[in-house]
């Protein structure tokens, strides 16, 4: 059903999947990682 709705599907390696109880936890962790990465980028708007 997700594929039909054109939702992205990602296959996690077993060791990575074991660290997350569900898709919401994966998304939360990835959003946090995005925030951290964005903070590490130099500010080029000055």
ModelCIF file with pLDDT and N, C-alpha, C, O atoms, coordinates in Angstrom:
data_MODEL
#
_entry.id   MODEL 
#
_entity.id                         1 
_entity.type                       polymer 
_entity.pdbx_number_of_molecules   1 
#
_entity_poly.entity_id                      1 
_entity_poly.type                           'polypeptide(L)' 
_entity_poly.nstd_linkage                   no 
_entity_poly.nstd_monomer                   no 
_entity_poly.pdbx_seq_one_letter_code       
;(UNK)(UNK)(UNK)(UNK)(UNK)(UNK)(UNK)(UNK)(UNK)(UNK)(UNK)(UNK)(UNK)(UNK)(UNK)(UNK)
(UNK)(UNK)(UNK)(UNK)(UNK)(UNK)(UNK)(UNK)(UNK)(UNK)(UNK)(UNK)(UNK)(UNK)(UNK)(UNK)
(UNK)(UNK)(UNK)(UNK)(UNK)(UNK)(UNK)(UNK)(UNK)(UNK)(UNK)(UNK)(UNK)(UNK)
;
_entity_poly.pdbx_seq_one_letter_code_can   XXXXXXXXXXXXXXXXXXXXXXXXXXXXXXXXXXXXXXXXXXXXXX 
_entity_poly.pdbx_strand_id                 A 
#
loop_
_entity_poly_seq.entity_id 
_entity_poly_seq.num 
_entity_poly_seq.mon_id 
_entity_poly_seq.hetero 
1 1  UNK n 
1 2  UNK n 
1 3  UNK n 
1 4  UNK n 
1 5  UNK n 
1 6  UNK n 
1 7  UNK n 
1 8  UNK n 
1 9  UNK n 
1 10 UNK n 
1 11 UNK n 
1 12 UNK n 
1 13 UNK n 
1 14 UNK n 
1 15 UNK n 
1 16 UNK n 
1 17 UNK n 
1 18 UNK n 
1 19 UNK n 
1 20 UNK n 
1 21 UNK n 
1 22 UNK n 
1 23 UNK n 
1 24 UNK n 
1 25 UNK n 
1 26 UNK n 
1 27 UNK n 
1 28 UNK n 
1 29 UNK n 
1 30 UNK n 
1 31 UNK n 
1 32 UNK n 
1 33 UNK n 
1 34 UNK n 
1 35 UNK n 
1 36 UNK n 
1 37 UNK n 
1 38 UNK n 
1 39 UNK n 
1 40 UNK n 
1 41 UNK n 
1 42 UNK n 
1 43 UNK n 
1 44 UNK n 
1 45 UNK n 
1 46 UNK n 
#
_struct_asym.id          A 
_struct_asym.entity_id   1 
#
loop_
_ma_qa_metric.id 
_ma_qa_metric.mode 
_ma_qa_metric.name 
_ma_qa_metric.software_group_id 
_ma_qa_metric.type 
1 global pLDDT . pLDDT 
2 local  pLDDT . pLDDT 
#
_ma_qa_metric_global.metric_id      1 
_ma_qa_metric_global.metric_value   87.37 
_ma_qa_metric_global.model_id       1 
_ma_qa_metric_global.ordinal_id     1 
#
loop_
_ma_qa_metric_local.label_asym_id 
_ma_qa_metric_local.label_comp_id 
_ma_qa_metric_local.label_seq_id 
_ma_qa_metric_local.metric_id 
_ma_qa_metric_local.metric_value 
_ma_qa_metric_local.model_id 
_ma_qa_metric_local.ordinal_id 
A UNK 1  2 82.00 1 1  
A UNK 2  2 76.00 1 2  
A UNK 3  2 77.00 1 3  
A UNK 4  2 83.00 1 4  
A UNK 5  2 82.00 1 5  
A UNK 6  2 76.00 1 6  
A UNK 7  2 73.00 1 7  
A UNK 8  2 77.00 1 8  
A UNK 9  2 77.00 1 9  
A UNK 10 2 84.00 1 10 
A UNK 11 2 85.00 1 11 
A UNK 12 2 90.00 1 12 
A UNK 13 2 93.00 1 13 
A UNK 14 2 93.00 1 14 
A UNK 15 2 95.00 1 15 
A UNK 16 2 95.00 1 16 
A UNK 17 2 94.00 1 17 
A UNK 18 2 96.00 1 18 
A UNK 19 2 96.00 1 19 
A UNK 20 2 95.00 1 20 
A UNK 21 2 93.00 1 21 
A UNK 22 2 90.00 1 22 
A UNK 23 2 87.00 1 23 
A UNK 24 2 92.00 1 24 
A UNK 25 2 95.00 1 25 
A UNK 26 2 94.00 1 26 
A UNK 27 2 93.00 1 27 
A UNK 28 2 97.00 1 28 
A UNK 29 2 97.00 1 29 
A UNK 30 2 96.00 1 30 
A UNK 31 2 97.00 1 31 
A UNK 32 2 97.00 1 32 
A UNK 33 2 96.00 1 33 
A UNK 34 2 96.00 1 34 
A UNK 35 2 96.00 1 35 
A UNK 36 2 96.00 1 36 
A UNK 37 2 94.00 1 37 
A UNK 38 2 93.00 1 38 
A UNK 39 2 93.00 1 39 
A UNK 40 2 92.00 1 40 
A UNK 41 2 84.00 1 41 
A UNK 42 2 78.00 1 42 
A UNK 43 2 70.00 1 43 
A UNK 44 2 64.00 1 44 
A UNK 45 2 63.00 1 45 
A UNK 46 2 57.00 1 46 
#
loop_
_atom_site.group_PDB 
_atom_site.id 
_atom_site.type_symbol 
_atom_site.label_atom_id 
_atom_site.label_alt_id 
_atom_site.label_comp_id 
_atom_site.label_asym_id 
_atom_site.label_entity_id 
_atom_site.label_seq_id 
_atom_site.pdbx_PDB_ins_code 
_atom_site.Cartn_x 
_atom_site.Cartn_y 
_atom_site.Cartn_z 
_atom_site.occupancy 
_atom_site.B_iso_or_equiv 
_atom_site.pdbx_formal_charge 
_atom_site.auth_seq_id 
_atom_site.auth_comp_id 
_atom_site.auth_asym_id 
_atom_site.auth_atom_id 
_atom_site.pdbx_PDB_model_num 
ATOM 1   N N  . UNK A 1 1  ? 0.825  -1.208 0.000  1.00 82.00 ? 1  UNK A N  1 
ATOM 2   C CA . UNK A 1 1  ? 0.000  0.000  0.000  1.00 82.00 ? 1  UNK A CA 1 
ATOM 3   C C  . UNK A 1 1  ? 0.860  1.259  0.000  1.00 82.00 ? 1  UNK A C  1 
ATOM 4   O O  . UNK A 1 1  ? 0.549  2.219  -0.704 1.00 82.00 ? 1  UNK A O  1 
ATOM 5   N N  . UNK A 1 2  ? 1.928  1.264  0.776  1.00 76.00 ? 2  UNK A N  1 
ATOM 6   C CA . UNK A 1 2  ? 2.829  2.422  0.787  1.00 76.00 ? 2  UNK A CA 1 
ATOM 7   C C  . UNK A 1 2  ? 3.493  2.602  -0.573 1.00 76.00 ? 2  UNK A C  1 
ATOM 8   O O  . UNK A 1 2  ? 3.660  3.729  -1.040 1.00 76.00 ? 2  UNK A O  1 
ATOM 9   N N  . UNK A 1 3  ? 3.866  1.512  -1.199 1.00 77.00 ? 3  UNK A N  1 
ATOM 10  C CA . UNK A 1 3  ? 4.473  1.583  -2.529 1.00 77.00 ? 3  UNK A CA 1 
ATOM 11  C C  . UNK A 1 3  ? 3.486  2.185  -3.528 1.00 77.00 ? 3  UNK A C  1 
ATOM 12  O O  . UNK A 1 3  ? 3.855  3.018  -4.356 1.00 77.00 ? 3  UNK A O  1 
ATOM 13  N N  . UNK A 1 4  ? 2.252  1.761  -3.442 1.00 83.00 ? 4  UNK A N  1 
ATOM 14  C CA . UNK A 1 4  ? 1.228  2.303  -4.353 1.00 83.00 ? 4  UNK A CA 1 
ATOM 15  C C  . UNK A 1 4  ? 1.032  3.797  -4.149 1.00 83.00 ? 4  UNK A C  1 
ATOM 16  O O  . UNK A 1 4  ? 0.736  4.521  -5.100 1.00 83.00 ? 4  UNK A O  1 
ATOM 17  N N  . UNK A 1 5  ? 1.195  4.263  -2.918 1.00 82.00 ? 5  UNK A N  1 
ATOM 18  C CA . UNK A 1 5  ? 1.057  5.699  -2.626 1.00 82.00 ? 5  UNK A CA 1 
ATOM 19  C C  . UNK A 1 5  ? 2.352  6.443  -2.927 1.00 82.00 ? 5  UNK A C  1 
ATOM 20  O O  . UNK A 1 5  ? 2.464  7.640  -2.663 1.00 82.00 ? 5  UNK A O  1 
ATOM 21  N N  . UNK A 1 6  ? 3.326  5.731  -3.479 1.00 76.00 ? 6  UNK A N  1 
ATOM 22  C CA . UNK A 1 6  ? 4.632  6.295  -3.838 1.00 76.00 ? 6  UNK A CA 1 
ATOM 23  C C  . UNK A 1 6  ? 5.404  6.793  -2.621 1.00 76.00 ? 6  UNK A C  1 
ATOM 24  O O  . UNK A 1 6  ? 6.165  7.757  -2.708 1.00 76.00 ? 6  UNK A O  1 
ATOM 25  N N  . UNK A 1 7  ? 5.201  6.131  -1.494 1.00 73.00 ? 7  UNK A N  1 
ATOM 26  C CA . UNK A 1 7  ? 5.984  6.417  -0.299 1.00 73.00 ? 7  UNK A CA 1 
ATOM 27  C C  . UNK A 1 7  ? 7.351  5.752  -0.462 1.00 73.00 ? 7  UNK A C  1 
ATOM 28  O O  . UNK A 1 7  ? 7.447  4.646  -0.994 1.00 73.00 ? 7  UNK A O  1 
ATOM 29  N N  . UNK A 1 8  ? 8.391  6.418  -0.011 1.00 77.00 ? 8  UNK A N  1 
ATOM 30  C CA . UNK A 1 8  ? 9.728  5.830  -0.090 1.00 77.00 ? 8  UNK A CA 1 
ATOM 31  C C  . UNK A 1 8  ? 9.831  4.642  0.848  1.00 77.00 ? 8  UNK A C  1 
ATOM 32  O O  . UNK A 1 8  ? 9.433  4.717  2.011  1.00 77.00 ? 8  UNK A O  1 
ATOM 33  N N  . UNK A 1 9  ? 10.360 3.561  0.339  1.00 77.00 ? 9  UNK A N  1 
ATOM 34  C CA . UNK A 1 9  ? 10.631 2.385  1.152  1.00 77.00 ? 9  UNK A CA 1 
ATOM 35  C C  . UNK A 1 9  ? 12.139 2.195  1.215  1.00 77.00 ? 9  UNK A C  1 
ATOM 36  O O  . UNK A 1 9  ? 12.836 2.299  0.205  1.00 77.00 ? 9  UNK A O  1 
ATOM 37  N N  . UNK A 1 10 ? 12.624 1.920  2.401  1.00 84.00 ? 10 UNK A N  1 
ATOM 38  C CA . UNK A 1 10 ? 14.053 1.719  2.598  1.00 84.00 ? 10 UNK A CA 1 
ATOM 39  C C  . UNK A 1 10 ? 14.246 0.409  3.341  1.00 84.00 ? 10 UNK A C  1 
ATOM 40  O O  . UNK A 1 10 ? 13.594 0.162  4.355  1.00 84.00 ? 10 UNK A O  1 
ATOM 41  N N  . UNK A 1 11 ? 15.123 -0.415 2.845  1.00 85.00 ? 11 UNK A N  1 
ATOM 42  C CA . UNK A 1 11 ? 15.428 -1.682 3.499  1.00 85.00 ? 11 UNK A CA 1 
ATOM 43  C C  . UNK A 1 11 ? 16.619 -1.463 4.441  1.00 85.00 ? 11 UNK A C  1 
ATOM 44  O O  . UNK A 1 11 ? 17.718 -1.117 4.007  1.00 85.00 ? 11 UNK A O  1 
ATOM 45  N N  . UNK A 1 12 ? 16.377 -1.669 5.716  1.00 90.00 ? 12 UNK A N  1 
ATOM 46  C CA . UNK A 1 12 ? 17.441 -1.511 6.711  1.00 90.00 ? 12 UNK A CA 1 
ATOM 47  C C  . UNK A 1 12 ? 18.159 -2.834 6.911  1.00 90.00 ? 12 UNK A C  1 
ATOM 48  O O  . UNK A 1 12 ? 17.547 -3.902 6.874  1.00 90.00 ? 12 UNK A O  1 
ATOM 49  N N  . UNK A 1 13 ? 19.462 -2.749 7.123  1.00 93.00 ? 13 UNK A N  1 
ATOM 50  C CA . UNK A 1 13 ? 20.205 -3.945 7.492  1.00 93.00 ? 13 UNK A CA 1 
ATOM 51  C C  . UNK A 1 13 ? 19.682 -4.429 8.844  1.00 93.00 ? 13 UNK A C  1 
ATOM 52  O O  . UNK A 1 13 ? 19.217 -3.626 9.653  1.00 93.00 ? 13 UNK A O  1 
ATOM 53  N N  . UNK A 1 14 ? 19.756 -5.730 9.088  1.00 93.00 ? 14 UNK A N  1 
ATOM 54  C CA . UNK A 1 14 ? 19.195 -6.281 10.328 1.00 93.00 ? 14 UNK A CA 1 
ATOM 55  C C  . UNK A 1 14 ? 19.719 -5.626 11.600 1.00 93.00 ? 14 UNK A C  1 
ATOM 56  O O  . UNK A 1 14 ? 18.952 -5.405 12.538 1.00 93.00 ? 14 UNK A O  1 
ATOM 57  N N  . UNK A 1 15 ? 21.013 -5.312 11.648 1.00 95.00 ? 15 UNK A N  1 
ATOM 58  C CA . UNK A 1 15 ? 21.562 -4.704 12.859 1.00 95.00 ? 15 UNK A CA 1 
ATOM 59  C C  . UNK A 1 15 ? 21.025 -3.297 13.076 1.00 95.00 ? 15 UNK A C  1 
ATOM 60  O O  . UNK A 1 15 ? 20.846 -2.875 14.219 1.00 95.00 ? 15 UNK A O  1 
ATOM 61  N N  . UNK A 1 16 ? 20.767 -2.570 12.004 1.00 95.00 ? 16 UNK A N  1 
ATOM 62  C CA . UNK A 1 16 ? 20.194 -1.226 12.121 1.00 95.00 ? 16 UNK A CA 1 
ATOM 63  C C  . UNK A 1 16 ? 18.726 -1.324 12.508 1.00 95.00 ? 16 UNK A C  1 
ATOM 64  O O  . UNK A 1 16 ? 18.271 -0.607 13.400 1.00 95.00 ? 16 UNK A O  1 
ATOM 65  N N  . UNK A 1 17 ? 17.982 -2.204 11.848 1.00 94.00 ? 17 UNK A N  1 
ATOM 66  C CA . UNK A 1 17 ? 16.559 -2.373 12.142 1.00 94.00 ? 17 UNK A CA 1 
ATOM 67  C C  . UNK A 1 17 ? 16.331 -2.769 13.592 1.00 94.00 ? 17 UNK A C  1 
ATOM 68  O O  . UNK A 1 17 ? 15.320 -2.395 14.186 1.00 94.00 ? 17 UNK A O  1 
ATOM 69  N N  . UNK A 1 18 ? 17.245 -3.506 14.154 1.00 96.00 ? 18 UNK A N  1 
ATOM 70  C CA . UNK A 1 18 ? 17.118 -3.971 15.533 1.00 96.00 ? 18 UNK A CA 1 
ATOM 71  C C  . UNK A 1 18 ? 17.146 -2.802 16.529 1.00 96.00 ? 18 UNK A C  1 
ATOM 72  O O  . UNK A 1 18 ? 16.623 -2.916 17.638 1.00 96.00 ? 18 UNK A O  1 
ATOM 73  N N  . UNK A 1 19 ? 17.746 -1.700 16.136 1.00 96.00 ? 19 UNK A N  1 
ATOM 74  C CA . UNK A 1 19 ? 17.856 -0.544 17.024 1.00 96.00 ? 19 UNK A CA 1 
ATOM 75  C C  . UNK A 1 19 ? 16.579 0.289  17.082 1.00 96.00 ? 19 UNK A C  1 
ATOM 76  O O  . UNK A 1 19 ? 16.454 1.168  17.935 1.00 96.00 ? 19 UNK A O  1 
ATOM 77  N N  . UNK A 1 20 ? 15.625 0.022  16.181 1.00 95.00 ? 20 UNK A N  1 
ATOM 78  C CA . UNK A 1 20 ? 14.421 0.828  16.101 1.00 95.00 ? 20 UNK A CA 1 
ATOM 79  C C  . UNK A 1 20 ? 13.171 -0.036 16.217 1.00 95.00 ? 20 UNK A C  1 
ATOM 80  O O  . UNK A 1 20 ? 13.049 -1.051 15.531 1.00 95.00 ? 20 UNK A O  1 
ATOM 81  N N  . UNK A 1 21 ? 12.236 0.367  17.088 1.00 93.00 ? 21 UNK A N  1 
ATOM 82  C CA . UNK A 1 21 ? 11.024 -0.439 17.264 1.00 93.00 ? 21 UNK A CA 1 
ATOM 83  C C  . UNK A 1 21 ? 10.017 -0.302 16.122 1.00 93.00 ? 21 UNK A C  1 
ATOM 84  O O  . UNK A 1 21 ? 9.201  -1.197 15.902 1.00 93.00 ? 21 UNK A O  1 
ATOM 85  N N  . UNK A 1 22 ? 10.075 0.837  15.382 1.00 90.00 ? 22 UNK A N  1 
ATOM 86  C CA . UNK A 1 22 ? 9.096  1.055  14.313 1.00 90.00 ? 22 UNK A CA 1 
ATOM 87  C C  . UNK A 1 22 ? 9.566  2.170  13.376 1.00 90.00 ? 22 UNK A C  1 
ATOM 88  O O  . UNK A 1 22 ? 10.619 2.773  13.585 1.00 90.00 ? 22 UNK A O  1 
ATOM 89  N N  . UNK A 1 23 ? 8.765  2.431  12.342 1.00 87.00 ? 23 UNK A N  1 
ATOM 90  C CA . UNK A 1 23 ? 9.148  3.439  11.357 1.00 87.00 ? 23 UNK A CA 1 
ATOM 91  C C  . UNK A 1 23 ? 9.163  4.847  11.941 1.00 87.00 ? 23 UNK A C  1 
ATOM 92  O O  . UNK A 1 23 ? 9.962  5.681  11.515 1.00 87.00 ? 23 UNK A O  1 
ATOM 93  N N  . UNK A 1 24 ? 8.307  5.119  12.892 1.00 92.00 ? 24 UNK A N  1 
ATOM 94  C CA . UNK A 1 24 ? 8.302  6.441  13.518 1.00 92.00 ? 24 UNK A CA 1 
ATOM 95  C C  . UNK A 1 24 ? 9.620  6.722  14.231 1.00 92.00 ? 24 UNK A C  1 
ATOM 96  O O  . UNK A 1 24 ? 10.123 7.844  14.190 1.00 92.00 ? 24 UNK A O  1 
ATOM 97  N N  . UNK A 1 25 ? 10.173 5.715  14.877 1.00 95.00 ? 25 UNK A N  1 
ATOM 98  C CA . UNK A 1 25 ? 11.452 5.880  15.569 1.00 95.00 ? 25 UNK A CA 1 
ATOM 99  C C  . UNK A 1 25 ? 12.584 6.136  14.580 1.00 95.00 ? 25 UNK A C  1 
ATOM 100 O O  . UNK A 1 25 ? 13.480 6.935  14.854 1.00 95.00 ? 25 UNK A O  1 
ATOM 101 N N  . UNK A 1 26 ? 12.547 5.469  13.443 1.00 94.00 ? 26 UNK A N  1 
ATOM 102 C CA . UNK A 1 26 ? 13.566 5.696  12.405 1.00 94.00 ? 26 UNK A CA 1 
ATOM 103 C C  . UNK A 1 26 ? 13.470 7.126  11.897 1.00 94.00 ? 26 UNK A C  1 
ATOM 104 O O  . UNK A 1 26 ? 14.480 7.820  11.782 1.00 94.00 ? 26 UNK A O  1 
ATOM 105 N N  . UNK A 1 27 ? 12.254 7.562  11.594 1.00 93.00 ? 27 UNK A N  1 
ATOM 106 C CA . UNK A 1 27 ? 12.068 8.923  11.086 1.00 93.00 ? 27 UNK A CA 1 
ATOM 107 C C  . UNK A 1 27 ? 12.514 9.966  12.103 1.00 93.00 ? 27 UNK A C  1 
ATOM 108 O O  . UNK A 1 27 ? 13.145 10.957 11.734 1.00 93.00 ? 27 UNK A O  1 
ATOM 109 N N  . UNK A 1 28 ? 12.197 9.758  13.369 1.00 97.00 ? 28 UNK A N  1 
ATOM 110 C CA . UNK A 1 28 ? 12.606 10.696 14.414 1.00 97.00 ? 28 UNK A CA 1 
ATOM 111 C C  . UNK A 1 28 ? 14.131 10.786 14.494 1.00 97.00 ? 28 UNK A C  1 
ATOM 112 O O  . UNK A 1 28 ? 14.691 11.877 14.603 1.00 97.00 ? 28 UNK A O  1 
ATOM 113 N N  . UNK A 1 29 ? 14.791 9.639  14.440 1.00 97.00 ? 29 UNK A N  1 
ATOM 114 C CA . UNK A 1 29 ? 16.258 9.625  14.503 1.00 97.00 ? 29 UNK A CA 1 
ATOM 115 C C  . UNK A 1 29 ? 16.865 10.315 13.285 1.00 97.00 ? 29 UNK A C  1 
ATOM 116 O O  . UNK A 1 29 ? 17.841 11.054 13.415 1.00 97.00 ? 29 UNK A O  1 
ATOM 117 N N  . UNK A 1 30 ? 16.303 10.083 12.117 1.00 96.00 ? 30 UNK A N  1 
ATOM 118 C CA . UNK A 1 30 ? 16.831 10.716 10.915 1.00 96.00 ? 30 UNK A CA 1 
ATOM 119 C C  . UNK A 1 30 ? 16.605 12.231 10.929 1.00 96.00 ? 30 UNK A C  1 
ATOM 120 O O  . UNK A 1 30 ? 17.470 12.990 10.492 1.00 96.00 ? 30 UNK A O  1 
ATOM 121 N N  . UNK A 1 31 ? 15.462 12.666 11.423 1.00 97.00 ? 31 UNK A N  1 
ATOM 122 C CA . UNK A 1 31 ? 15.215 14.113 11.531 1.00 97.00 ? 31 UNK A CA 1 
ATOM 123 C C  . UNK A 1 31 ? 16.209 14.768 12.481 1.00 97.00 ? 31 UNK A C  1 
ATOM 124 O O  . UNK A 1 31 ? 16.702 15.865 12.214 1.00 97.00 ? 31 UNK A O  1 
ATOM 125 N N  . UNK A 1 32 ? 16.499 14.099 13.579 1.00 97.00 ? 32 UNK A N  1 
ATOM 126 C CA . UNK A 1 32 ? 17.488 14.625 14.518 1.00 97.00 ? 32 UNK A CA 1 
ATOM 127 C C  . UNK A 1 32 ? 18.866 14.699 13.868 1.00 97.00 ? 32 UNK A C  1 
ATOM 128 O O  . UNK A 1 32 ? 19.588 15.680 14.042 1.00 97.00 ? 32 UNK A O  1 
ATOM 129 N N  . UNK A 1 33 ? 19.220 13.677 13.131 1.00 96.00 ? 33 UNK A N  1 
ATOM 130 C CA . UNK A 1 33 ? 20.510 13.667 12.433 1.00 96.00 ? 33 UNK A CA 1 
ATOM 131 C C  . UNK A 1 33 ? 20.587 14.801 11.410 1.00 96.00 ? 33 UNK A C  1 
ATOM 132 O O  . UNK A 1 33 ? 21.634 15.431 11.263 1.00 96.00 ? 33 UNK A O  1 
ATOM 133 N N  . UNK A 1 34 ? 19.498 15.061 10.712 1.00 96.00 ? 34 UNK A N  1 
ATOM 134 C CA . UNK A 1 34 ? 19.454 16.171 9.747  1.00 96.00 ? 34 UNK A CA 1 
ATOM 135 C C  . UNK A 1 34 ? 19.699 17.497 10.461 1.00 96.00 ? 34 UNK A C  1 
ATOM 136 O O  . UNK A 1 34 ? 20.468 18.330 9.982  1.00 96.00 ? 34 UNK A O  1 
ATOM 137 N N  . UNK A 1 35 ? 19.041 17.692 11.609 1.00 96.00 ? 35 UNK A N  1 
ATOM 138 C CA . UNK A 1 35 ? 19.230 18.926 12.375 1.00 96.00 ? 35 UNK A CA 1 
ATOM 139 C C  . UNK A 1 35 ? 20.676 19.105 12.812 1.00 96.00 ? 35 UNK A C  1 
ATOM 140 O O  . UNK A 1 35 ? 21.230 20.200 12.712 1.00 96.00 ? 35 UNK A O  1 
ATOM 141 N N  . UNK A 1 36 ? 21.278 18.038 13.291 1.00 96.00 ? 36 UNK A N  1 
ATOM 142 C CA . UNK A 1 36 ? 22.672 18.099 13.730 1.00 96.00 ? 36 UNK A CA 1 
ATOM 143 C C  . UNK A 1 36 ? 23.582 18.429 12.548 1.00 96.00 ? 36 UNK A C  1 
ATOM 144 O O  . UNK A 1 36 ? 24.480 19.261 12.670 1.00 96.00 ? 36 UNK A O  1 
ATOM 145 N N  . UNK A 1 37 ? 23.356 17.788 11.421 1.00 94.00 ? 37 UNK A N  1 
ATOM 146 C CA . UNK A 1 37 ? 24.179 18.037 10.236 1.00 94.00 ? 37 UNK A CA 1 
ATOM 147 C C  . UNK A 1 37 ? 24.027 19.477 9.753  1.00 94.00 ? 37 UNK A C  1 
ATOM 148 O O  . UNK A 1 37 ? 25.005 20.100 9.342  1.00 94.00 ? 37 UNK A O  1 
ATOM 149 N N  . UNK A 1 38 ? 22.820 19.999 9.798  1.00 93.00 ? 38 UNK A N  1 
ATOM 150 C CA . UNK A 1 38 ? 22.598 21.378 9.354  1.00 93.00 ? 38 UNK A CA 1 
ATOM 151 C C  . UNK A 1 38 ? 23.297 22.372 10.274 1.00 93.00 ? 38 UNK A C  1 
ATOM 152 O O  . UNK A 1 38 ? 23.777 23.408 9.813  1.00 93.00 ? 38 UNK A O  1 
ATOM 153 N N  . UNK A 1 39 ? 23.358 22.074 11.554 1.00 93.00 ? 39 UNK A N  1 
ATOM 154 C CA . UNK A 1 39 ? 24.050 22.957 12.499 1.00 93.00 ? 39 UNK A CA 1 
ATOM 155 C C  . UNK A 1 39 ? 25.558 22.943 12.287 1.00 93.00 ? 39 UNK A C  1 
ATOM 156 O O  . UNK A 1 39 ? 26.241 23.910 12.623 1.00 93.00 ? 39 UNK A O  1 
ATOM 157 N N  . UNK A 1 40 ? 26.076 21.861 11.736 1.00 92.00 ? 40 UNK A N  1 
ATOM 158 C CA . UNK A 1 40 ? 27.514 21.724 11.514 1.00 92.00 ? 40 UNK A CA 1 
ATOM 159 C C  . UNK A 1 40 ? 27.979 22.442 10.259 1.00 92.00 ? 40 UNK A C  1 
ATOM 160 O O  . UNK A 1 40 ? 29.172 22.692 10.090 1.00 92.00 ? 40 UNK A O  1 
ATOM 161 N N  . UNK A 1 41 ? 27.043 22.777 9.379  1.00 84.00 ? 41 UNK A N  1 
ATOM 162 C CA . UNK A 1 41 ? 27.408 23.460 8.132  1.00 84.00 ? 41 UNK A CA 1 
ATOM 163 C C  . UNK A 1 41 ? 27.720 24.920 8.437  1.00 84.00 ? 41 UNK A C  1 
ATOM 164 O O  . UNK A 1 41 ? 27.030 25.562 9.230  1.00 84.00 ? 41 UNK A O  1 
ATOM 165 N N  . UNK A 1 42 ? 28.776 25.442 7.794  1.00 78.00 ? 42 UNK A N  1 
ATOM 166 C CA . UNK A 1 42 ? 29.109 26.849 8.027  1.00 78.00 ? 42 UNK A CA 1 
ATOM 167 C C  . UNK A 1 42 ? 28.005 27.745 7.462  1.00 78.00 ? 42 UNK A C  1 
ATOM 168 O O  . UNK A 1 42 ? 27.388 27.432 6.444  1.00 78.00 ? 42 UNK A O  1 
ATOM 169 N N  . UNK A 1 43 ? 27.774 28.859 8.144  1.00 70.00 ? 43 UNK A N  1 
ATOM 170 C CA . UNK A 1 43 ? 26.765 29.814 7.699  1.00 70.00 ? 43 UNK A CA 1 
ATOM 171 C C  . UNK A 1 43 ? 27.361 30.670 6.584  1.00 70.00 ? 43 UNK A C  1 
ATOM 172 O O  . UNK A 1 43 ? 28.292 31.439 6.822  1.00 70.00 ? 43 UNK A O  1 
ATOM 173 N N  . UNK A 1 44 ? 26.832 30.540 5.376  1.00 64.00 ? 44 UNK A N  1 
ATOM 174 C CA . UNK A 1 44 ? 27.383 31.261 4.215  1.00 64.00 ? 44 UNK A CA 1 
ATOM 175 C C  . UNK A 1 44 ? 26.500 32.416 3.793  1.00 64.00 ? 44 UNK A C  1 
ATOM 176 O O  . UNK A 1 44 ? 26.649 32.924 2.682  1.00 64.00 ? 44 UNK A O  1 
ATOM 177 N N  . UNK A 1 45 ? 25.576 32.849 4.654  1.00 63.00 ? 45 UNK A N  1 
ATOM 178 C CA . UNK A 1 45 ? 24.655 33.927 4.289  1.00 63.00 ? 45 UNK A CA 1 
ATOM 179 C C  . UNK A 1 45 ? 25.146 35.285 4.720  1.00 63.00 ? 45 UNK A C  1 
ATOM 180 O O  . UNK A 1 45 ? 24.425 36.266 4.540  1.00 63.00 ? 45 UNK A O  1 
ATOM 181 N N  . UNK A 1 46 ? 26.353 35.396 5.287  1.00 57.00 ? 46 UNK A N  1 
ATOM 182 C CA . UNK A 1 46 ? 26.860 36.694 5.739  1.00 57.00 ? 46 UNK A CA 1 
ATOM 183 C C  . UNK A 1 46 ? 27.698 37.366 4.696  1.00 57.00 ? 46 UNK A C  1 
ATOM 184 O O  . UNK A 1 46 ? 28.199 38.467 4.921  1.00 57.00 ? 46 UNK A O  1 
#
